[in-house]
Amino acid sequence: MIRSFLTVSTGTLASRLLGFARDAMIAALLGTGAVADAFLVAFQLVNVVRRLLTEGALNAALVPAWLRVREAEGSEAATAFAGRVLGTVSAALIGTTLLIGLSMPFVIAVLAPGFSGQPTLRLAVDDARLMLPYLAFAGPVTVLMALMNAQGRFALPAFSPLLFNIALIAVMAALFGWRLEANAAAPAIAASVGISGLLQLSVLLLRRGTGHVATPLRVSFDGEMRGFFGKAIPGMIASSGPQTLVVAGAIIASSEPSAVSWLYFANRLIELPLGIVGVAMGTVMVPALARALRGGDRNAVTEAESRGLELAVGLALPAMLGLIVLREPIVRMLFQHGLFSASDTGSTAQALIWLALGLPAHVLVKSLSPAFFARDDTATPLLATLKGLAVAIVLALVLGRLFGAGGIAASIAAGAWSSALSLIRRGAATFGFSIDDAARRRLPRIVAAAIGMGALLWLKASFVLPLAANAPGIAQAALLLVLIAGAMMIYGLLLLLLGVIGWTAAWRAIRPRVIPKPASDLRE
């Protein structure tokens, strides 16, 4: 499981880093004014649907169903089942794309009520319509990725999303050369979103053998498909919790100038650790838990849940502390270029503090939900997500008026913790989370190591960063990278000293498996 986790998290890390480059270029080209707000509202609409589908949501529903059909009826029936899912999802998303395109003014008015009666509304509608073709490609991409994950082939699904960012970065690099104004650059960037979806689908289809995992291709709404989608759609909504909370925050923030942009760029920094840990854990744990539950292997269930919780806490907690301590220099290094001002950096960093406090909760939701999905229970994570969304909206309406974007960010964090606590209580009351003795021993030590790392990082940053306040930008960026690398080394050393990890166990967990040859091959 750890080897598969590293594969998925490495692909996600690469995609997130390219995403930072993409967003830095968007910030430089568009700034944080009306054009940027309009573009980012449209982009969030497409991005939420993209992540709703591709980042483990449909995977959580399709993998257990596909494994169940294969075990009960054989590989041929599983392939036919996959073909019906692929055809039906593709047809449904094409129809949905056309419907959304026709009703886009209403959709944007709902997503950004503060745009009503302003030119920003027209800009957002035009940008969103240019991006919509991506959704038609997202359906088959999602199904093919989930089928490959079910077969234990994690590498290509993990790395294919890089094409989304590569296409946008290539277009924006050309726009820098042409020196276009923001209102001309935004439509060009929006149009490139659909091209990125076509590239990703092409790569998956060109992979040898991928096109044969879902044949024949059919559109079907029979009883089996209705049952599948009856579980898949709640699971997809439940898995979109972080994106749904941010969209709700953006709706409320749309009445405050530049607040949508500040929240978007702050949330982008949260998505790096959330993607590496949360998405990877959700993608890898669903197949692992589903196989263990199907086989009645209680020890395997306990092992998967224990290691998953350790990885979630061990990676999310230090990420939260690091983002809080280094919030302003990180935002400055990544985004303060072109039309993105120093004032925007301060406002984005302020929102980042509160969003970072919700990061462990988001990761817990991503790590706990597979325990329900593997048991074919998508209703409980859905209810937890809806409860968190309600908490976030109520608090945002109050705190947003009092504290602006920072108050809305705090509301998003509170909603995430509400969802996480709901899942913990429900899981403990129904099937009980299985945590082994090793996890009970390691988890307090992991928390202590993270707190120690955060304290030492704060001391170093408080002393070093003021000395470099007037240094050139490249020197400040180098110093920030040194601080981050030093914090990672300190954290690793504390984990070793506290006995959480050891070199031998770590190498045994990540080294490639050596599969022995059959005896007939040895005789030859």
Protein backbone atom coordinates (compact mmCIF):
# COMPACT_ATOMS: atom_id res chain seq x y z
CA MET A 1 0.00 0.00 0.00
CA ILE A 2 2.87 2.38 0.80
CA ARG A 3 4.50 1.72 -2.58
CA SER A 4 1.21 2.50 -4.34
CA PHE A 5 0.72 5.56 -2.13
CA LEU A 6 4.16 6.87 -3.11
CA THR A 7 3.37 6.37 -6.80
CA VAL A 8 0.08 8.26 -6.59
CA SER A 9 1.43 10.99 -4.29
CA THR A 10 4.46 11.56 -6.54
CA GLY A 11 2.20 12.05 -9.55
CA THR A 12 -0.05 14.34 -7.52
CA LEU A 13 2.96 16.31 -6.25
CA ALA A 14 4.21 16.84 -9.79
CA SER A 15 0.74 17.97 -10.89
CA ARG A 16 0.39 20.35 -7.92
CA LEU A 17 3.83 21.89 -8.52
CA LEU A 18 2.90 22.50 -12.15
CA GLY A 19 -0.36 23.91 -10.82
CA PHE A 20 1.60 26.44 -8.77
CA ALA A 21 3.51 27.47 -11.89
CA ARG A 22 0.17 27.75 -13.72
CA ASP A 23 -1.40 29.88 -10.99
CA ALA A 24 1.68 32.09 -10.68
CA MET A 25 1.36 32.80 -14.40
CA ILE A 26 -2.39 33.45 -14.06
CA ALA A 27 -1.68 35.88 -11.20
CA ALA A 28 0.96 37.68 -13.27
CA LEU A 29 -1.24 37.87 -16.39
CA LEU A 30 -4.57 38.72 -14.76
CA GLY A 31 -3.77 40.19 -11.32
CA THR A 32 -6.65 40.29 -8.81
CA GLY A 33 -9.15 42.67 -10.40
CA ALA A 34 -12.48 42.10 -12.12
CA VAL A 35 -11.00 40.13 -15.02
CA ALA A 36 -9.21 37.78 -12.61
CA ASP A 37 -12.28 37.33 -10.39
CA ALA A 38 -14.42 36.48 -13.42
CA PHE A 39 -11.87 34.01 -14.77
CA LEU A 40 -11.32 32.30 -11.41
CA VAL A 41 -15.05 31.84 -10.74
CA ALA A 42 -15.38 30.17 -14.15
CA PHE A 43 -12.23 28.15 -13.58
CA GLN A 44 -13.43 26.96 -10.17
CA LEU A 45 -16.64 25.66 -11.77
CA VAL A 46 -14.68 23.46 -14.19
CA ASN A 47 -11.99 22.62 -11.65
CA VAL A 48 -14.51 21.42 -9.07
CA VAL A 49 -16.15 19.11 -11.60
CA ARG A 50 -12.70 17.91 -12.74
CA ARG A 51 -11.70 17.04 -9.21
CA LEU A 52 -15.13 15.71 -8.37
CA LEU A 53 -14.56 13.13 -11.10
CA THR A 54 -10.84 12.53 -11.45
CA GLU A 55 -9.39 12.83 -7.93
CA GLY A 56 -10.72 9.65 -6.38
CA ALA A 57 -14.44 10.43 -6.22
CA LEU A 58 -15.73 8.14 -8.98
CA ASN A 59 -12.82 5.83 -8.16
CA ALA A 60 -14.36 5.29 -4.71
CA ALA A 61 -17.62 4.01 -6.24
CA LEU A 62 -16.37 2.19 -9.35
CA VAL A 63 -13.51 0.17 -7.85
CA PRO A 64 -15.58 -1.83 -5.30
CA ALA A 65 -18.36 -2.38 -7.86
CA TRP A 66 -15.93 -3.56 -10.58
CA LEU A 67 -14.13 -5.90 -8.16
CA ARG A 68 -17.46 -7.33 -6.99
CA VAL A 69 -18.59 -8.07 -10.57
CA ARG A 70 -15.23 -9.62 -11.49
CA GLU A 71 -15.20 -11.88 -8.44
CA ALA A 72 -18.85 -12.93 -8.85
CA GLU A 73 -19.16 -13.24 -12.65
CA GLY A 74 -15.64 -13.23 -14.08
CA SER A 75 -13.38 -10.88 -16.07
CA GLU A 76 -15.58 -10.79 -19.17
CA ALA A 77 -18.61 -9.60 -17.18
CA ALA A 78 -16.43 -6.98 -15.44
CA THR A 79 -15.23 -5.68 -18.82
CA ALA A 80 -18.83 -5.42 -20.09
CA PHE A 81 -19.87 -3.67 -16.86
CA ALA A 82 -17.02 -1.18 -17.33
CA GLY A 83 -18.12 -0.58 -20.94
CA ARG A 84 -21.63 0.33 -19.80
CA VAL A 85 -20.27 2.66 -17.12
CA LEU A 86 -17.91 4.33 -19.60
CA GLY A 87 -20.62 4.82 -22.24
CA THR A 88 -23.23 6.06 -19.77
CA VAL A 89 -20.90 8.48 -17.95
CA SER A 90 -19.64 9.89 -21.26
CA ALA A 91 -23.16 10.42 -22.63
CA ALA A 92 -24.37 11.95 -19.37
CA LEU A 93 -21.50 14.43 -19.22
CA ILE A 94 -21.92 15.48 -22.85
CA GLY A 95 -25.58 16.21 -22.16
CA THR A 96 -24.72 18.00 -18.90
CA THR A 97 -22.10 20.11 -20.70
CA LEU A 98 -24.64 21.28 -23.26
CA LEU A 99 -27.24 22.04 -20.56
CA ILE A 100 -24.77 24.02 -18.43
CA GLY A 101 -23.58 25.94 -21.49
CA LEU A 102 -27.13 27.06 -22.30
CA SER A 103 -27.87 28.07 -18.70
CA MET A 104 -24.44 29.54 -17.92
CA PRO A 105 -25.65 33.07 -17.00
CA PHE A 106 -27.88 31.56 -14.33
CA VAL A 107 -25.10 29.22 -13.11
CA ILE A 108 -22.60 32.07 -12.72
CA ALA A 109 -25.22 34.26 -11.02
CA VAL A 110 -25.66 31.48 -8.44
CA LEU A 111 -21.92 30.92 -8.00
CA ALA A 112 -21.12 34.64 -7.78
CA PRO A 113 -24.21 36.64 -6.80
CA GLY A 114 -21.99 39.66 -6.22
CA PHE A 115 -21.38 39.81 -9.99
CA SER A 116 -25.05 40.50 -10.80
CA GLY A 117 -25.56 43.74 -12.70
CA GLN A 118 -21.81 44.15 -13.34
CA PRO A 119 -19.64 43.60 -16.44
CA THR A 120 -17.85 40.89 -14.43
CA LEU A 121 -20.85 38.58 -14.91
CA ARG A 122 -20.54 38.68 -18.71
CA LEU A 123 -16.79 38.04 -18.51
CA ALA A 124 -17.31 35.02 -16.23
CA VAL A 125 -20.01 33.56 -18.50
CA ASP A 126 -17.81 33.87 -21.60
CA ASP A 127 -14.80 32.29 -19.85
CA ALA A 128 -16.87 29.42 -18.46
CA ARG A 129 -18.37 28.56 -21.84
CA LEU A 130 -14.91 28.42 -23.39
CA MET A 131 -13.80 25.97 -20.66
CA LEU A 132 -16.84 23.68 -20.85
CA PRO A 133 -15.57 21.23 -23.54
CA TYR A 134 -13.23 19.86 -20.88
CA LEU A 135 -16.18 18.30 -19.06
CA ALA A 136 -17.04 16.11 -22.06
CA PHE A 137 -13.53 14.60 -21.94
CA ALA A 138 -13.48 14.29 -18.14
CA GLY A 139 -16.04 11.46 -18.10
CA PRO A 140 -14.12 8.81 -20.09
CA VAL A 141 -10.85 9.95 -18.50
CA THR A 142 -12.27 9.33 -15.03
CA VAL A 143 -13.63 5.86 -15.80
CA LEU A 144 -10.41 4.70 -17.47
CA MET A 145 -8.33 5.96 -14.53
CA ALA A 146 -10.56 4.20 -12.00
CA LEU A 147 -10.39 0.90 -13.93
CA MET A 148 -6.60 1.07 -14.02
CA ASN A 149 -6.52 1.77 -10.27
CA ALA A 150 -8.77 -1.27 -9.66
CA GLN A 151 -6.21 -3.41 -11.48
CA GLY A 152 -3.36 -2.02 -9.36
CA ARG A 153 -1.97 0.12 -12.22
CA PHE A 154 -1.51 3.44 -10.44
CA ALA A 155 1.31 5.13 -12.36
CA LEU A 156 -0.42 6.33 -15.55
CA PRO A 157 -3.60 7.56 -13.79
CA ALA A 158 -1.40 9.40 -11.28
CA PHE A 159 0.74 11.19 -13.87
CA SER A 160 -1.74 11.81 -16.72
CA PRO A 161 -3.31 14.88 -14.96
CA LEU A 162 -0.01 16.68 -15.53
CA LEU A 163 -1.20 17.31 -19.08
CA PHE A 164 -3.94 19.62 -17.78
CA ASN A 165 -1.36 22.01 -16.38
CA ILE A 166 1.19 21.52 -19.17
CA ALA A 167 -1.33 22.66 -21.80
CA LEU A 168 -2.30 25.78 -19.82
CA ILE A 169 1.32 26.68 -19.05
CA ALA A 170 2.28 26.38 -22.73
CA VAL A 171 -0.54 28.72 -23.76
CA MET A 172 0.30 31.28 -21.07
CA ALA A 173 3.98 31.22 -21.97
CA ALA A 174 2.96 32.25 -25.49
CA LEU A 175 0.69 34.98 -24.08
CA PHE A 176 3.61 36.46 -22.13
CA GLY A 177 5.50 36.73 -25.40
CA TRP A 178 2.56 38.45 -27.11
CA ARG A 179 2.14 40.90 -24.18
CA LEU A 180 -1.66 40.74 -24.23
CA GLU A 181 -3.83 42.75 -21.86
CA ALA A 182 -5.66 40.85 -19.10
CA ASN A 183 -9.07 41.07 -20.80
CA ALA A 184 -7.59 39.47 -23.96
CA ALA A 185 -5.45 36.87 -22.15
CA ALA A 186 -8.30 35.41 -20.06
CA PRO A 187 -10.34 34.01 -23.01
CA ALA A 188 -7.21 32.45 -24.53
CA ILE A 189 -6.38 30.67 -21.27
CA ALA A 190 -10.01 29.54 -20.91
CA ALA A 191 -10.04 28.02 -24.40
CA SER A 192 -6.92 25.96 -23.63
CA VAL A 193 -8.71 24.11 -20.80
CA GLY A 194 -10.66 21.95 -23.27
CA ILE A 195 -7.47 21.13 -25.17
CA SER A 196 -5.92 19.81 -21.97
CA GLY A 197 -8.80 17.37 -21.51
CA LEU A 198 -8.36 16.03 -25.03
CA LEU A 199 -4.64 15.49 -24.40
CA GLN A 200 -5.29 13.52 -21.22
CA LEU A 201 -7.88 11.27 -22.85
CA SER A 202 -5.57 10.64 -25.83
CA VAL A 203 -2.72 9.52 -23.59
CA LEU A 204 -4.94 7.05 -21.71
CA LEU A 205 -6.42 5.59 -24.91
CA LEU A 206 -3.03 5.25 -26.59
CA ARG A 207 -1.72 3.21 -23.66
CA ARG A 208 -1.60 -0.40 -24.83
CA GLY A 209 -4.47 -2.46 -23.46
CA THR A 210 -6.36 0.47 -21.90
CA GLY A 211 -9.03 0.54 -24.59
CA HIS A 212 -9.93 -3.13 -23.95
CA VAL A 213 -10.80 -2.79 -20.25
CA ALA A 214 -14.26 -1.34 -21.04
CA THR A 215 -15.84 -3.06 -24.05
CA PRO A 216 -18.31 -3.08 -25.65
CA LEU A 217 -19.12 0.61 -25.20
CA ARG A 218 -22.81 1.03 -24.38
CA VAL A 219 -25.19 3.56 -22.88
CA SER A 220 -27.40 1.79 -20.38
CA PHE A 221 -29.78 2.75 -17.59
CA ASP A 222 -30.75 -0.77 -16.52
CA GLY A 223 -31.18 -1.82 -12.90
CA GLU A 224 -27.48 -2.54 -12.40
CA MET A 225 -26.47 0.89 -13.75
CA ARG A 226 -29.13 2.67 -11.70
CA GLY A 227 -27.88 0.89 -8.59
CA PHE A 228 -24.29 1.84 -9.39
CA PHE A 229 -25.07 5.51 -9.99
CA GLY A 230 -27.31 5.55 -6.93
CA LYS A 231 -24.16 4.88 -4.88
CA ALA A 232 -21.68 6.69 -7.12
CA ILE A 233 -23.33 10.11 -7.16
CA PRO A 234 -23.54 10.47 -3.34
CA GLY A 235 -19.92 9.25 -3.13
CA MET A 236 -18.80 11.80 -5.71
CA ILE A 237 -20.49 14.63 -3.82
CA ALA A 238 -19.01 13.39 -0.53
CA SER A 239 -15.50 13.24 -2.01
CA SER A 240 -15.76 16.82 -3.26
CA GLY A 241 -15.98 18.24 0.27
CA PRO A 242 -12.89 20.52 0.12
CA GLN A 243 -13.84 21.92 -3.30
CA THR A 244 -17.49 22.38 -2.30
CA LEU A 245 -16.51 24.32 0.81
CA VAL A 246 -14.23 26.63 -1.21
CA VAL A 247 -16.93 27.23 -3.83
CA ALA A 248 -19.41 28.10 -1.07
CA GLY A 249 -16.85 30.52 0.34
CA ALA A 250 -16.31 32.08 -3.08
CA ILE A 251 -20.07 32.60 -3.52
CA ILE A 252 -20.22 34.55 -0.28
CA ALA A 253 -16.94 36.39 -1.02
CA SER A 254 -18.03 37.51 -4.50
CA SER A 255 -19.49 40.75 -3.14
CA GLU A 256 -16.07 41.87 -1.81
CA PRO A 257 -13.57 43.07 -4.46
CA SER A 258 -10.61 40.69 -4.96
CA ALA A 259 -11.77 38.36 -2.14
CA VAL A 260 -12.46 35.52 -4.60
CA SER A 261 -8.89 35.78 -5.88
CA TRP A 262 -7.36 35.87 -2.38
CA LEU A 263 -9.28 32.77 -1.31
CA TYR A 264 -8.45 30.96 -4.55
CA PHE A 265 -4.70 31.51 -4.31
CA ALA A 266 -4.62 30.69 -0.58
CA ASN A 267 -6.54 27.50 -1.22
CA ARG A 268 -4.09 26.51 -3.94
CA LEU A 269 -1.41 26.22 -1.26
CA ILE A 270 -3.68 23.97 0.82
CA GLU A 271 -4.30 21.73 -2.18
CA LEU A 272 -0.64 20.71 -2.46
CA PRO A 273 -0.50 18.67 0.79
CA LEU A 274 -4.18 17.77 0.49
CA GLY A 275 -3.56 16.28 -2.95
CA ILE A 276 -0.38 14.47 -1.96
CA VAL A 277 -1.88 12.92 1.17
CA GLY A 278 -5.66 12.99 0.89
CA VAL A 279 -6.15 12.13 -2.77
CA ALA A 280 -3.40 9.50 -2.74
CA MET A 281 -4.80 7.84 0.38
CA GLY A 282 -8.33 7.80 -1.04
CA THR A 283 -7.16 6.37 -4.36
CA VAL A 284 -4.99 3.61 -2.85
CA MET A 285 -7.03 2.67 0.23
CA VAL A 286 -10.33 1.96 -1.54
CA PRO A 287 -8.94 -1.00 -3.56
CA ALA A 288 -6.91 -2.25 -0.57
CA LEU A 289 -9.85 -2.14 1.84
CA ALA A 290 -12.32 -3.51 -0.72
CA ARG A 291 -10.13 -6.56 -1.39
CA ALA A 292 -9.58 -7.16 2.34
CA LEU A 293 -13.29 -6.91 3.14
CA ARG A 294 -14.25 -9.16 0.22
CA GLY A 295 -11.78 -11.76 1.44
CA GLY A 296 -12.84 -11.45 5.08
CA ASP A 297 -9.24 -10.61 6.07
CA ARG A 298 -9.68 -8.60 9.27
CA ASN A 299 -5.92 -8.25 9.79
CA ALA A 300 -5.50 -6.68 6.35
CA VAL A 301 -8.30 -4.21 7.11
CA THR A 302 -6.62 -3.22 10.37
CA GLU A 303 -3.24 -2.88 8.67
CA ALA A 304 -4.63 -0.64 5.89
CA GLU A 305 -6.59 1.61 8.26
CA SER A 306 -3.69 1.92 10.72
CA ARG A 307 -1.05 2.77 8.12
CA GLY A 308 -3.45 5.13 6.37
CA LEU A 309 -4.12 7.09 9.58
CA GLU A 310 -0.39 7.28 10.37
CA LEU A 311 0.43 8.61 6.92
CA ALA A 312 -2.44 11.11 7.04
CA VAL A 313 -1.49 12.58 10.42
CA GLY A 314 2.25 12.31 9.77
CA LEU A 315 2.09 14.35 6.58
CA ALA A 316 -0.85 16.74 7.15
CA LEU A 317 0.14 18.06 10.58
CA PRO A 318 3.65 19.29 9.68
CA ALA A 319 2.29 20.70 6.40
CA MET A 320 -0.26 22.73 8.36
CA LEU A 321 2.37 24.13 10.72
CA GLY A 322 4.79 24.90 7.89
CA LEU A 323 2.16 26.81 5.90
CA ILE A 324 1.15 28.87 8.94
CA VAL A 325 4.74 29.79 9.87
CA LEU A 326 5.92 30.54 6.31
CA ARG A 327 2.62 31.81 4.90
CA GLU A 328 3.73 35.27 3.75
CA PRO A 329 7.11 34.40 2.16
CA ILE A 330 5.51 31.43 0.35
CA VAL A 331 2.71 33.57 -1.10
CA ARG A 332 5.22 36.30 -2.04
CA MET A 333 7.54 33.87 -3.81
CA LEU A 334 4.79 32.12 -5.77
CA PHE A 335 2.34 34.86 -6.68
CA GLN A 336 3.70 38.39 -6.12
CA HIS A 337 4.59 39.07 -9.74
CA GLY A 338 3.14 41.30 -12.44
CA LEU A 339 -0.30 42.59 -11.41
CA PHE A 340 -0.31 40.69 -8.06
CA SER A 341 0.63 43.35 -5.47
CA ALA A 342 2.18 43.29 -1.98
CA SER A 343 -1.26 44.14 -0.55
CA ASP A 344 -2.67 41.04 -2.28
CA THR A 345 0.12 38.98 -0.69
CA GLY A 346 -0.87 40.15 2.80
CA SER A 347 -4.56 39.42 2.27
CA THR A 348 -3.86 35.99 0.73
CA ALA A 349 -1.50 35.08 3.59
CA GLN A 350 -4.13 36.07 6.15
CA ALA A 351 -6.67 33.74 4.52
CA LEU A 352 -4.04 31.00 4.36
CA ILE A 353 -3.69 30.88 8.16
CA TRP A 354 -7.30 29.86 8.61
CA LEU A 355 -7.45 27.52 5.64
CA ALA A 356 -4.32 25.74 6.93
CA LEU A 357 -6.02 25.05 10.26
CA GLY A 358 -8.58 23.01 8.36
CA LEU A 359 -5.99 20.98 6.42
CA PRO A 360 -5.77 18.05 8.91
CA ALA A 361 -9.57 17.82 8.88
CA HIS A 362 -9.68 17.64 5.07
CA VAL A 363 -7.04 14.90 5.09
CA LEU A 364 -8.89 12.96 7.79
CA VAL A 365 -12.06 13.07 5.67
CA LYS A 366 -10.13 11.78 2.64
CA SER A 367 -8.54 9.03 4.74
CA LEU A 368 -11.66 7.97 6.69
CA SER A 369 -14.11 7.98 3.77
CA PRO A 370 -12.56 4.90 2.06
CA ALA A 371 -13.55 2.81 5.09
CA PHE A 372 -17.18 3.63 4.25
CA PHE A 373 -16.82 3.46 0.46
CA ALA A 374 -15.22 0.00 0.64
CA ARG A 375 -18.30 -1.17 2.55
CA ASP A 376 -20.59 0.26 -0.17
CA ASP A 377 -21.71 3.01 2.21
CA THR A 378 -21.68 6.34 0.36
CA ALA A 379 -24.54 7.89 2.34
CA THR A 380 -22.56 8.49 5.54
CA PRO A 381 -19.72 10.49 3.89
CA LEU A 382 -22.36 12.43 1.93
CA LEU A 383 -24.23 13.41 5.08
CA ALA A 384 -20.96 14.41 6.76
CA THR A 385 -20.05 16.61 3.77
CA LEU A 386 -23.46 18.27 3.72
CA LYS A 387 -23.28 18.92 7.46
CA GLY A 388 -19.85 20.52 7.08
CA LEU A 389 -21.12 22.62 4.17
CA ALA A 390 -24.06 23.88 6.25
CA VAL A 391 -21.73 24.81 9.13
CA ALA A 392 -19.37 26.65 6.76
CA ILE A 393 -22.16 28.63 5.06
CA VAL A 394 -23.79 29.75 8.31
CA LEU A 395 -20.45 30.83 9.81
CA ALA A 396 -19.29 32.50 6.58
CA LEU A 397 -22.41 34.67 6.42
CA VAL A 398 -21.54 35.99 9.89
CA LEU A 399 -17.72 35.98 9.90
CA GLY A 400 -17.48 37.19 6.30
CA ARG A 401 -19.29 40.41 7.23
CA LEU A 402 -17.09 40.90 10.30
CA PHE A 403 -13.65 39.86 9.03
CA GLY A 404 -13.88 39.65 5.23
CA ALA A 405 -11.94 36.94 3.38
CA GLY A 406 -10.20 35.82 6.58
CA GLY A 407 -13.54 35.15 8.26
CA ILE A 408 -14.75 33.13 5.27
CA ALA A 409 -11.52 31.10 5.33
CA ALA A 410 -12.06 30.35 9.04
CA SER A 411 -15.61 29.19 8.23
CA ILE A 412 -14.28 26.78 5.59
CA ALA A 413 -11.89 25.27 8.17
CA ALA A 414 -14.71 24.89 10.69
CA GLY A 415 -16.85 23.12 8.09
CA ALA A 416 -14.02 20.68 7.37
CA TRP A 417 -13.63 19.80 11.05
CA SER A 418 -17.39 19.30 11.34
CA SER A 419 -17.27 16.73 8.50
CA ALA A 420 -14.24 14.93 9.97
CA LEU A 421 -15.78 14.64 13.44
CA SER A 422 -19.04 13.34 11.97
CA LEU A 423 -17.19 10.55 10.15
CA ILE A 424 -15.21 9.62 13.26
CA ARG A 425 -18.33 9.38 15.41
CA ARG A 426 -20.31 7.44 12.80
CA GLY A 427 -17.49 5.01 12.03
CA ALA A 428 -16.87 4.31 15.70
CA ALA A 429 -20.58 3.69 16.28
CA THR A 430 -21.13 1.32 13.31
CA PHE A 431 -18.16 -0.86 12.34
CA GLY A 432 -15.41 0.62 14.54
CA PHE A 433 -12.13 1.80 13.07
CA SER A 434 -9.43 -0.83 13.46
CA ILE A 435 -6.19 0.65 14.83
CA ASP A 436 -3.37 -1.72 15.75
CA ASP A 437 -0.93 -1.40 18.67
CA ALA A 438 1.81 0.03 16.46
CA ALA A 439 -0.44 2.93 15.37
CA ARG A 440 -1.46 3.64 18.98
CA ARG A 441 2.22 3.84 19.89
CA ARG A 442 3.32 5.91 16.89
CA LEU A 443 0.54 8.50 16.57
CA PRO A 444 1.36 10.49 19.77
CA ARG A 445 5.03 10.49 18.76
CA ILE A 446 4.16 11.73 15.27
CA VAL A 447 2.21 14.62 16.80
CA ALA A 448 5.14 15.44 19.12
CA ALA A 449 7.62 15.38 16.22
CA ALA A 450 5.40 17.71 14.14
CA ILE A 451 5.02 20.19 17.02
CA GLY A 452 8.78 20.13 17.62
CA MET A 453 9.44 20.78 13.94
CA GLY A 454 6.93 23.64 13.86
CA ALA A 455 8.47 25.31 16.92
CA LEU A 456 12.02 25.10 15.55
CA LEU A 457 10.88 26.37 12.14
CA TRP A 458 9.19 29.35 13.79
CA LEU A 459 12.36 30.20 15.71
CA LYS A 460 14.53 29.96 12.59
CA ALA A 461 12.09 31.96 10.45
CA SER A 462 11.73 34.69 13.11
CA PHE A 463 15.50 35.18 13.14
CA VAL A 464 16.43 34.67 9.48
CA LEU A 465 13.59 36.17 7.42
CA PRO A 466 13.86 39.76 8.79
CA LEU A 467 17.56 39.78 7.85
CA ALA A 468 16.67 39.05 4.22
CA ALA A 469 13.76 41.53 3.97
CA ASN A 470 15.63 43.78 1.53
CA ALA A 471 17.44 41.03 -0.36
CA PRO A 472 16.76 40.36 -4.07
CA GLY A 473 13.80 38.12 -4.86
CA ILE A 474 15.96 35.19 -5.95
CA ALA A 475 17.86 35.30 -2.65
CA GLN A 476 14.61 35.34 -0.65
CA ALA A 477 13.30 32.38 -2.65
CA ALA A 478 16.53 30.43 -2.04
CA LEU A 479 16.34 31.19 1.69
CA LEU A 480 12.73 30.01 1.82
CA LEU A 481 13.62 26.75 0.12
CA VAL A 482 16.48 26.24 2.60
CA LEU A 483 14.09 26.80 5.52
CA ILE A 484 11.60 24.28 4.09
CA ALA A 485 14.33 21.69 3.43
CA GLY A 486 15.71 22.22 6.93
CA ALA A 487 12.27 21.74 8.48
CA MET A 488 11.81 18.49 6.56
CA MET A 489 15.18 17.21 7.78
CA ILE A 490 14.37 18.17 11.38
CA TYR A 491 11.02 16.40 11.17
CA GLY A 492 12.60 13.25 9.74
CA LEU A 493 15.27 13.29 12.45
CA LEU A 494 12.66 13.67 15.20
CA LEU A 495 10.70 10.75 13.78
CA LEU A 496 13.86 8.64 13.87
CA LEU A 497 14.77 9.71 17.42
CA LEU A 498 11.26 9.00 18.68
CA GLY A 499 11.27 5.54 17.10
CA VAL A 500 8.42 6.22 14.66
CA ILE A 501 10.42 5.12 11.62
CA GLY A 502 13.65 3.26 10.97
CA TRP A 503 15.86 3.03 7.91
CA THR A 504 15.39 -0.73 7.49
CA ALA A 505 11.60 -0.64 7.78
CA ALA A 506 11.36 2.37 5.46
CA TRP A 507 13.44 0.67 2.74
CA ARG A 508 11.48 -2.56 3.11
CA ALA A 509 8.23 -0.62 2.61
CA ILE A 510 9.24 1.24 -0.56
CA ARG A 511 11.62 -1.13 -2.37
CA PRO A 512 10.28 -2.79 -5.54
CA ARG A 513 8.82 -6.22 -5.04
CA VAL A 514 10.78 -9.11 -6.52
CA ILE A 515 8.39 -11.71 -7.91
CA PRO A 516 10.02 -15.17 -8.03
CA LYS A 517 9.97 -17.03 -11.30
CA PRO A 518 7.90 -20.20 -11.62
CA ALA A 519 9.76 -23.46 -11.20
CA SER A 520 9.36 -24.25 -14.92
CA ASP A 521 11.20 -21.03 -15.82
CA LEU A 522 14.03 -21.89 -13.43
CA ARG A 523 14.46 -25.31 -15.01
CA GLU A 524 14.74 -23.70 -18.42
